[in-house]
């Protein structure tokens, strides 16, 4: 049941979610420098699925598996697997904060995709799209250390995340949110169980526990994100979702001794401003149907 009378709770939950997800990405970057990326992400999906099974299957039973739209659910799951593979691979070459900022280009890409699918996009939204793309150009500007083909990896992750969000929007009101998240986790398990066979390296007990922690951090981060909207509206929380970029910068500095340069900071600020502008315009226009 929604209770928007306590927006501070929502803000705190969204910030905790951003901190957890940024820490998740930092830990995944560390582990992927030791083990194959397929193994790291597979372990994360296995742990997440086990945790979700323990939490939700006893309460929901077979209902947790029931979907009215299996093919969109499959596409949703594959999209998120693609996000994970591209993003974590990209962290080998792109610092955490900058890669996270590129992922936050997703609202801009969703707007472009929506226009291509026939939805009306206002001039203000197109202006925000232009600024969002400009932000990425500033981050990976010619002459900088990031001006390499490797930047296509986080950008590809943003494209995959766009597909994920579009499919999620189409599934809203059709399947239970727990069902959607559980099936997405199962798709990741099955897909990566096939791929990890060719990329296996037995981890130490310590590292295996860290890989398991990835699943817990991902699940808890997304649960906090979902529950934040019980206490505050999407419009209220929108500015605070970008806290994940700040947390990614802190994690990158503490764990990997990397601080974004002035150009990267300007680019991040432009992307954040673009996203906030998009949220403001959508708030004024009201929810989009469809």
Protein backbone atom coordinates (compact mmCIF):
# COMPACT_ATOMS: atom_id res chain seq x y z
CA UNK A 1 0.00 0.00 0.00
CA UNK A 2 1.39 3.40 -1.02
CA UNK A 3 2.09 5.97 1.69
CA UNK A 4 3.46 9.17 0.19
CA UNK A 5 3.24 10.96 3.55
CA UNK A 6 6.84 10.03 4.39
CA UNK A 7 8.95 11.14 1.40
CA UNK A 8 12.10 11.23 3.55
CA UNK A 9 11.88 7.44 3.93
CA UNK A 10 11.68 7.13 0.15
CA UNK A 11 14.72 9.36 -0.32
CA UNK A 12 16.74 7.37 2.22
CA UNK A 13 15.78 4.07 0.58
CA UNK A 14 16.67 5.34 -2.90
CA UNK A 15 20.05 6.57 -1.66
CA UNK A 16 20.75 3.26 0.09
CA UNK A 17 19.79 1.47 -3.11
CA UNK A 18 22.23 3.61 -5.10
CA UNK A 19 25.02 2.95 -2.61
CA UNK A 20 24.39 -0.81 -2.70
CA UNK A 21 24.25 -0.98 -6.50
CA UNK A 22 27.39 1.15 -6.88
CA UNK A 23 29.16 -1.10 -4.35
CA UNK A 24 27.87 -4.14 -6.27
CA UNK A 25 29.43 -2.78 -9.46
CA UNK A 26 32.71 -2.05 -7.69
CA UNK A 27 32.87 -5.58 -6.26
CA UNK A 28 31.99 -7.05 -9.66
CA UNK A 29 34.80 -5.01 -11.23
CA UNK A 30 37.26 -6.33 -8.63
CA UNK A 31 36.21 -9.97 -9.09
CA UNK A 32 36.18 -9.73 -12.90
CA UNK A 33 39.84 -8.69 -12.78
CA UNK A 34 40.57 -12.12 -11.25
CA UNK A 35 37.93 -14.39 -12.80
CA UNK A 36 36.10 -14.57 -16.15
CA UNK A 37 33.19 -12.12 -16.35
CA UNK A 38 30.79 -14.95 -17.24
CA UNK A 39 31.67 -16.73 -13.98
CA UNK A 40 31.21 -13.61 -11.84
CA UNK A 41 27.82 -12.73 -13.32
CA UNK A 42 26.67 -16.37 -13.27
CA UNK A 43 27.46 -16.62 -9.55
CA UNK A 44 25.55 -13.40 -8.93
CA UNK A 45 22.46 -14.73 -10.73
CA UNK A 46 22.65 -18.09 -8.93
CA UNK A 47 22.85 -16.39 -5.53
CA UNK A 48 20.06 -13.97 -6.39
CA UNK A 49 17.78 -16.79 -7.59
CA UNK A 50 18.41 -18.88 -4.47
CA UNK A 51 17.61 -15.90 -2.25
CA UNK A 52 14.44 -15.04 -4.18
CA UNK A 53 13.34 -18.67 -4.08
CA UNK A 54 13.76 -18.76 -0.30
CA UNK A 55 11.93 -15.46 0.16
CA UNK A 56 9.03 -15.66 -2.28
CA UNK A 57 8.29 -19.25 -3.31
CA UNK A 58 7.07 -20.31 0.18
CA UNK A 59 4.63 -17.37 0.19
CA UNK A 60 3.52 -17.36 -3.45
CA UNK A 61 3.94 -21.00 -4.43
CA UNK A 62 3.45 -21.73 -8.13
CA UNK A 63 2.08 -18.22 -8.70
CA UNK A 64 5.64 -16.92 -8.77
CA UNK A 65 6.18 -18.78 -12.08
CA UNK A 66 2.92 -17.82 -13.81
CA UNK A 67 3.15 -15.29 -16.61
CA UNK A 68 0.65 -14.22 -19.24
CA UNK A 69 3.45 -13.01 -21.54
CA UNK A 70 6.33 -15.51 -21.58
CA UNK A 71 8.12 -14.13 -24.66
CA UNK A 72 8.39 -10.55 -23.34
CA UNK A 73 9.58 -12.02 -20.04
CA UNK A 74 12.28 -13.94 -21.91
CA UNK A 75 13.33 -10.77 -23.76
CA UNK A 76 13.40 -8.87 -20.47
CA UNK A 77 15.66 -11.47 -18.89
CA UNK A 78 18.04 -11.61 -21.87
CA UNK A 79 18.21 -7.82 -21.94
CA UNK A 80 19.35 -7.69 -18.33
CA UNK A 81 21.94 -10.42 -18.92
CA UNK A 82 23.25 -8.32 -21.80
CA UNK A 83 23.40 -5.25 -19.54
CA UNK A 84 25.47 -7.16 -16.99
CA UNK A 85 27.89 -8.67 -19.51
CA UNK A 86 28.49 -5.43 -21.40
CA UNK A 87 28.74 -3.21 -18.34
CA UNK A 88 31.08 -5.43 -16.29
CA UNK A 89 33.27 -6.05 -19.34
CA UNK A 90 33.35 -2.29 -19.88
CA UNK A 91 34.67 -1.76 -16.36
CA UNK A 92 37.93 -3.37 -17.48
CA UNK A 93 38.54 -0.26 -19.61
CA UNK A 94 36.24 2.50 -18.33
CA UNK A 95 36.32 3.83 -14.74
CA UNK A 96 33.31 3.02 -12.57
CA UNK A 97 31.87 6.54 -12.24
CA UNK A 98 32.13 7.32 -15.96
CA UNK A 99 30.63 3.96 -16.97
CA UNK A 100 27.77 4.45 -14.49
CA UNK A 101 27.09 7.90 -15.95
CA UNK A 102 26.81 6.39 -19.43
CA UNK A 103 24.27 3.84 -18.12
CA UNK A 104 22.20 6.76 -16.79
CA UNK A 105 21.79 7.84 -20.40
CA UNK A 106 18.99 5.24 -20.48
CA UNK A 107 16.10 7.75 -19.94
CA UNK A 108 17.33 9.63 -23.01
CA UNK A 109 17.46 6.43 -25.06
CA UNK A 110 14.01 5.39 -23.81
CA UNK A 111 12.65 8.71 -25.07
CA UNK A 112 14.23 8.19 -28.50
CA UNK A 113 12.86 4.63 -28.67
CA UNK A 114 9.42 5.82 -27.60
CA UNK A 115 9.40 8.35 -30.41
CA UNK A 116 10.37 5.64 -32.91
CA UNK A 117 7.48 3.53 -31.57
CA UNK A 118 5.02 6.33 -32.30
CA UNK A 119 4.73 8.12 -28.96
CA UNK A 120 4.61 11.90 -28.92
CA UNK A 121 7.83 13.56 -27.72
CA UNK A 122 7.82 17.26 -26.88
CA UNK A 123 10.45 19.82 -27.83
CA UNK A 124 11.58 19.98 -24.22
CA UNK A 125 12.16 16.23 -24.19
CA UNK A 126 14.14 16.39 -27.45
CA UNK A 127 16.23 19.19 -25.92
CA UNK A 128 16.93 16.95 -22.92
CA UNK A 129 17.88 14.13 -25.31
CA UNK A 130 20.39 16.41 -27.01
CA UNK A 131 21.95 17.44 -23.71
CA UNK A 132 22.15 13.83 -22.54
CA UNK A 133 24.04 12.80 -25.65
CA UNK A 134 26.25 15.89 -25.28
CA UNK A 135 27.12 14.75 -21.76
CA UNK A 136 28.46 11.45 -23.07
CA UNK A 137 30.46 13.25 -25.77
CA UNK A 138 32.03 15.46 -23.07
CA UNK A 139 32.96 12.42 -20.95
CA UNK A 140 34.60 10.55 -23.87
CA UNK A 141 35.78 13.67 -25.72
CA UNK A 142 38.49 13.26 -28.37
CA UNK A 143 41.91 13.38 -26.80
CA UNK A 144 40.80 11.95 -23.46
CA UNK A 145 41.86 8.55 -22.14
CA UNK A 146 38.28 7.31 -22.60
CA UNK A 147 38.15 8.06 -26.32
CA UNK A 148 38.47 4.40 -27.33
CA UNK A 149 36.13 1.75 -28.79
CA UNK A 150 35.78 0.37 -25.24
CA UNK A 151 33.25 3.10 -24.44
CA UNK A 152 30.84 1.23 -26.71
CA UNK A 153 30.55 -1.44 -23.99
CA UNK A 154 28.77 0.74 -21.38
CA UNK A 155 26.88 2.45 -24.19
CA UNK A 156 25.74 -0.98 -25.40
CA UNK A 157 24.72 -1.75 -21.82
CA UNK A 158 22.62 1.44 -21.82
CA UNK A 159 20.95 0.32 -25.07
CA UNK A 160 20.18 -3.08 -23.54
CA UNK A 161 18.85 -1.42 -20.41
CA UNK A 162 16.60 0.67 -22.64
CA UNK A 163 15.09 -2.51 -24.08
CA UNK A 164 14.71 -3.85 -20.53
CA UNK A 165 12.83 -0.74 -19.41
CA UNK A 166 10.57 -0.66 -22.45
CA UNK A 167 9.63 -4.32 -21.97
CA UNK A 168 9.14 -3.77 -18.24
CA UNK A 169 6.75 -0.92 -19.01
CA UNK A 170 4.75 -3.17 -21.35
CA UNK A 171 4.58 -5.88 -18.69
CA UNK A 172 3.36 -3.49 -15.97
CA UNK A 173 -0.11 -4.51 -14.83
CA UNK A 174 0.11 -7.87 -16.60
CA UNK A 175 2.39 -9.98 -14.37
CA UNK A 176 3.16 -9.63 -10.66
CA UNK A 177 6.41 -7.65 -10.09
CA UNK A 178 7.87 -10.54 -8.08
CA UNK A 179 7.10 -12.90 -10.98
CA UNK A 180 8.83 -10.58 -13.45
CA UNK A 181 11.94 -10.24 -11.28
CA UNK A 182 12.04 -13.96 -10.46
CA UNK A 183 11.70 -15.00 -14.11
CA UNK A 184 14.38 -12.49 -15.09
CA UNK A 185 16.70 -14.07 -12.55
CA UNK A 186 15.90 -17.57 -13.85
CA UNK A 187 16.60 -16.53 -17.44
CA UNK A 188 19.98 -15.21 -16.31
CA UNK A 189 20.75 -18.46 -14.49
CA UNK A 190 19.90 -20.68 -17.46
CA UNK A 191 21.64 -18.52 -20.06
CA UNK A 192 24.82 -18.05 -18.08
CA UNK A 193 24.93 -21.69 -16.94
CA UNK A 194 25.44 -22.58 -20.60
CA UNK A 195 28.09 -19.91 -21.18
CA UNK A 196 30.02 -20.38 -17.93
CA UNK A 197 30.98 -23.96 -18.90
CA UNK A 198 33.40 -22.48 -21.43
CA UNK A 199 34.70 -19.86 -18.99
CA UNK A 200 35.09 -21.83 -15.77
CA UNK A 201 37.72 -21.17 -13.14
CA UNK A 202 37.17 -22.54 -9.64
CA UNK A 203 37.13 -19.63 -7.17
CA UNK A 204 38.60 -19.70 -3.68
CA UNK A 205 36.11 -19.97 -0.81
CA UNK A 206 36.64 -16.28 0.01
CA UNK A 207 35.97 -15.19 -3.56
CA UNK A 208 33.01 -17.56 -3.88
CA UNK A 209 31.45 -15.85 -0.85
CA UNK A 210 32.08 -12.46 -2.45
CA UNK A 211 30.38 -13.66 -5.63
CA UNK A 212 27.44 -14.82 -3.55
CA UNK A 213 27.36 -11.41 -1.89
CA UNK A 214 26.87 -9.87 -5.34
CA UNK A 215 23.51 -11.63 -5.62
CA UNK A 216 22.44 -10.40 -2.20
CA UNK A 217 23.51 -6.83 -2.95
CA UNK A 218 21.72 -6.81 -6.30
CA UNK A 219 18.50 -8.21 -4.84
CA UNK A 220 18.51 -5.91 -1.82
CA UNK A 221 19.37 -2.88 -3.94
CA UNK A 222 16.42 -3.48 -6.25
CA UNK A 223 14.07 -4.25 -3.34
CA UNK A 224 15.03 -0.95 -1.71
CA UNK A 225 14.50 0.81 -5.02
CA UNK A 226 11.03 -0.71 -5.39
CA UNK A 227 10.00 0.04 -1.81
CA UNK A 228 11.19 3.65 -2.05
CA UNK A 229 8.19 4.37 -4.28
CA UNK A 230 5.84 3.35 -1.45
CA UNK A 231 6.85 6.49 0.43
CA UNK A 232 7.46 9.07 -2.30
CA UNK A 233 6.43 9.72 -5.89
CA UNK A 234 8.68 9.00 -8.87
CA UNK A 235 8.96 12.75 -9.49
CA UNK A 236 10.16 13.34 -5.92
CA UNK A 237 12.71 10.54 -6.08
CA UNK A 238 14.04 11.22 -9.60
CA UNK A 239 16.84 13.63 -8.52
CA UNK A 240 18.08 11.18 -5.88
CA UNK A 241 18.39 8.21 -8.27
CA UNK A 242 21.42 10.01 -9.72
CA UNK A 243 23.11 9.64 -6.36
CA UNK A 244 24.33 6.30 -7.71
CA UNK A 245 26.72 8.19 -10.01
CA UNK A 246 28.16 10.01 -6.97
CA UNK A 247 28.45 6.76 -5.01
CA UNK A 248 30.14 5.12 -8.01
CA UNK A 249 32.68 7.95 -7.99
CA UNK A 250 33.36 7.40 -4.27
CA UNK A 251 33.68 3.62 -4.70
CA UNK A 252 35.96 4.13 -7.70
CA UNK A 253 38.20 6.48 -5.73
CA UNK A 254 38.36 4.39 -2.54
CA UNK A 255 38.69 0.97 -4.17
CA UNK A 256 40.54 1.77 -7.40
CA UNK A 257 42.20 5.13 -6.68
CA UNK A 258 40.48 6.80 -9.63
CA UNK A 259 39.00 10.30 -9.55
CA UNK A 260 37.09 11.63 -12.61
CA UNK A 261 38.79 14.57 -14.30
CA UNK A 262 37.10 17.95 -14.78
CA UNK A 263 35.76 17.05 -18.22
CA UNK A 264 34.21 13.82 -16.94
CA UNK A 265 32.60 15.67 -14.03
CA UNK A 266 31.10 18.22 -16.41
CA UNK A 267 29.78 15.43 -18.65
CA UNK A 268 28.22 13.66 -15.66
CA UNK A 269 26.57 16.90 -14.56
CA UNK A 270 25.13 17.40 -18.05
CA UNK A 271 23.72 13.84 -18.10
CA UNK A 272 22.17 14.32 -14.65
CA UNK A 273 20.65 17.66 -15.71
CA UNK A 274 19.27 16.00 -18.83
CA UNK A 275 17.64 13.23 -16.80
CA UNK A 276 16.16 15.69 -14.31
CA UNK A 277 14.77 17.78 -17.15
CA UNK A 278 13.20 14.65 -18.64
CA UNK A 279 11.61 13.76 -15.29
CA UNK A 280 10.28 17.31 -14.85
CA UNK A 281 8.72 17.40 -18.32
CA UNK A 282 7.09 13.99 -17.83
CA UNK A 283 5.73 15.11 -14.46
CA UNK A 284 4.08 18.16 -16.05
CA UNK A 285 2.67 16.09 -18.92
CA UNK A 286 1.37 13.32 -16.64
CA UNK A 287 1.85 9.55 -17.09
CA UNK A 288 2.22 8.18 -20.58
CA UNK A 289 -0.38 5.66 -21.57
CA UNK A 290 0.30 2.46 -23.44
